N, C-alpha and C. Protein backbone atom coordinates (compact mmCIF):
# COMPACT_ATOMS: atom_id res chain seq x y z
N UNK A 1 6.96 -12.05 -3.59
CA UNK A 1 7.81 -11.00 -3.74
C UNK A 1 6.74 -9.72 -3.80
N UNK A 2 5.57 -9.83 -4.41
CA UNK A 2 4.69 -8.94 -4.32
C UNK A 2 4.22 -8.65 -3.19
N UNK A 3 3.74 -9.51 -2.18
CA UNK A 3 3.52 -9.21 -0.73
C UNK A 3 4.30 -8.83 -0.21
N UNK A 4 5.70 -9.00 -0.04
CA UNK A 4 6.78 -8.45 0.72
C UNK A 4 6.68 -6.98 0.23
N UNK A 5 6.81 -6.76 -1.23
CA UNK A 5 6.75 -5.06 -1.61
C UNK A 5 5.70 -4.44 -0.96
N UNK A 6 4.34 -4.80 -1.08
CA UNK A 6 3.33 -4.33 -0.49
C UNK A 6 3.31 -3.94 1.27
N UNK A 7 3.85 -5.28 1.78
CA UNK A 7 4.35 -5.01 3.41
C UNK A 7 5.22 -4.12 3.45
N UNK A 8 6.26 -3.74 2.61
CA UNK A 8 7.11 -2.88 2.86
C UNK A 8 6.73 -1.38 2.47
N UNK A 9 5.68 -1.58 1.73
CA UNK A 9 5.00 0.13 1.54
C UNK A 9 4.08 0.25 2.78
N UNK A 10 3.58 -0.73 3.29
CA UNK A 10 2.60 -0.40 4.10
C UNK A 10 3.45 0.48 5.34
N UNK A 11 4.42 -0.41 5.68
CA UNK A 11 5.33 0.40 6.84
C UNK A 11 6.04 1.53 6.41
N UNK A 12 5.94 1.58 5.38
CA UNK A 12 6.71 3.21 4.93
C UNK A 12 5.41 4.13 5.20
N UNK A 13 4.38 3.78 4.64
CA UNK A 13 3.24 4.66 4.91
C UNK A 13 2.82 4.77 6.20
N UNK A 14 2.82 3.81 7.12
CA UNK A 14 2.15 3.71 8.57
C UNK A 14 3.32 4.56 9.18
N UNK A 15 4.54 4.58 8.85
CA UNK A 15 5.43 5.64 9.56
C UNK A 15 5.28 6.93 9.36
N UNK A 16 4.62 6.92 8.32
CA UNK A 16 4.25 8.80 8.04
C UNK A 16 2.86 8.94 8.30
N UNK A 17 2.23 8.09 9.10
CA UNK A 17 0.99 8.56 9.80
C UNK A 17 -0.22 7.92 9.10
N UNK A 18 0.03 7.04 7.88
CA UNK A 18 -0.95 6.44 7.32
C UNK A 18 -1.39 5.13 7.89
N UNK A 19 -2.93 4.91 7.99
CA UNK A 19 -3.25 3.64 8.61
C UNK A 19 -3.49 2.55 7.65
N UNK A 20 -3.36 1.48 7.78
CA UNK A 20 -3.52 0.20 6.63
C UNK A 20 -4.75 0.41 6.23
N UNK A 21 -6.15 0.67 7.37
CA UNK A 21 -7.38 0.95 6.71
C UNK A 21 -7.44 2.26 5.64
N UNK A 22 -6.61 3.12 5.75
CA UNK A 22 -6.70 4.40 4.74
C UNK A 22 -6.08 3.72 3.60
N UNK A 23 -5.11 3.13 3.49
CA UNK A 23 -4.35 2.45 2.37
C UNK A 23 -5.44 1.56 1.79
N UNK A 24 -6.16 0.87 2.57
CA UNK A 24 -7.23 -0.22 1.81
C UNK A 24 -8.40 0.61 1.00
N UNK A 25 -8.47 1.96 1.47
CA UNK A 25 -9.62 2.72 0.88
C UNK A 25 -9.06 3.36 -0.53
N UNK A 26 -7.81 3.41 -0.69
CA UNK A 26 -7.72 4.01 -1.86
C UNK A 26 -7.94 3.55 -3.12
N UNK A 27 -8.53 4.44 -3.98
CA UNK A 27 -9.13 3.88 -5.42
C UNK A 27 -7.66 2.96 -6.20
N UNK A 28 -8.20 1.80 -7.00
CA UNK A 28 -7.36 1.27 -7.55
C UNK A 28 -6.55 1.92 -8.33
N UNK A 29 -6.94 2.65 -9.25
CA UNK A 29 -6.14 3.59 -10.23
C UNK A 29 -5.16 4.43 -9.43
N UNK A 30 -5.63 4.68 -8.23
CA UNK A 30 -4.52 5.52 -7.67
C UNK A 30 -3.59 4.59 -6.57
N UNK A 31 -3.87 3.43 -6.39
CA UNK A 31 -3.27 2.58 -5.81
C UNK A 31 -2.03 1.84 -6.35
N UNK A 32 -0.94 1.75 -6.24
CA UNK A 32 0.35 1.17 -6.51
C UNK A 32 0.57 -0.12 -5.91
N UNK A 33 -0.13 -0.29 -4.98
CA UNK A 33 0.11 -1.56 -3.99
C UNK A 33 -0.79 -2.62 -4.49
N UNK A 34 -1.75 -2.28 -5.23
CA UNK A 34 -2.92 -3.24 -5.49
C UNK A 34 -2.80 -3.34 -6.99
N UNK A 35 -2.06 -2.57 -7.91
CA UNK A 35 -2.12 -2.29 -9.16
C UNK A 35 -0.67 -2.25 -9.70
N UNK A 36 -0.13 -2.83 -10.91
CA UNK A 36 1.04 -2.53 -11.41
C UNK A 36 2.15 -3.51 -10.63
N UNK A 37 1.80 -3.69 -9.63
CA UNK A 37 3.21 -4.71 -8.78
C UNK A 37 3.21 -6.32 -9.25
N UNK A 38 1.80 -6.66 -9.50
CA UNK A 38 1.43 -8.10 -9.57
C UNK A 38 2.17 -8.40 -11.00
């Protein structure tokens, strides 16, 4: 479920012009996809 949520968020951000590479570069404390969802 966590992976599905992260995948959906990546699609949402990607549709706004954000690339997956940029998402991965986000700092842990600022990234809700790598923290808090698990």
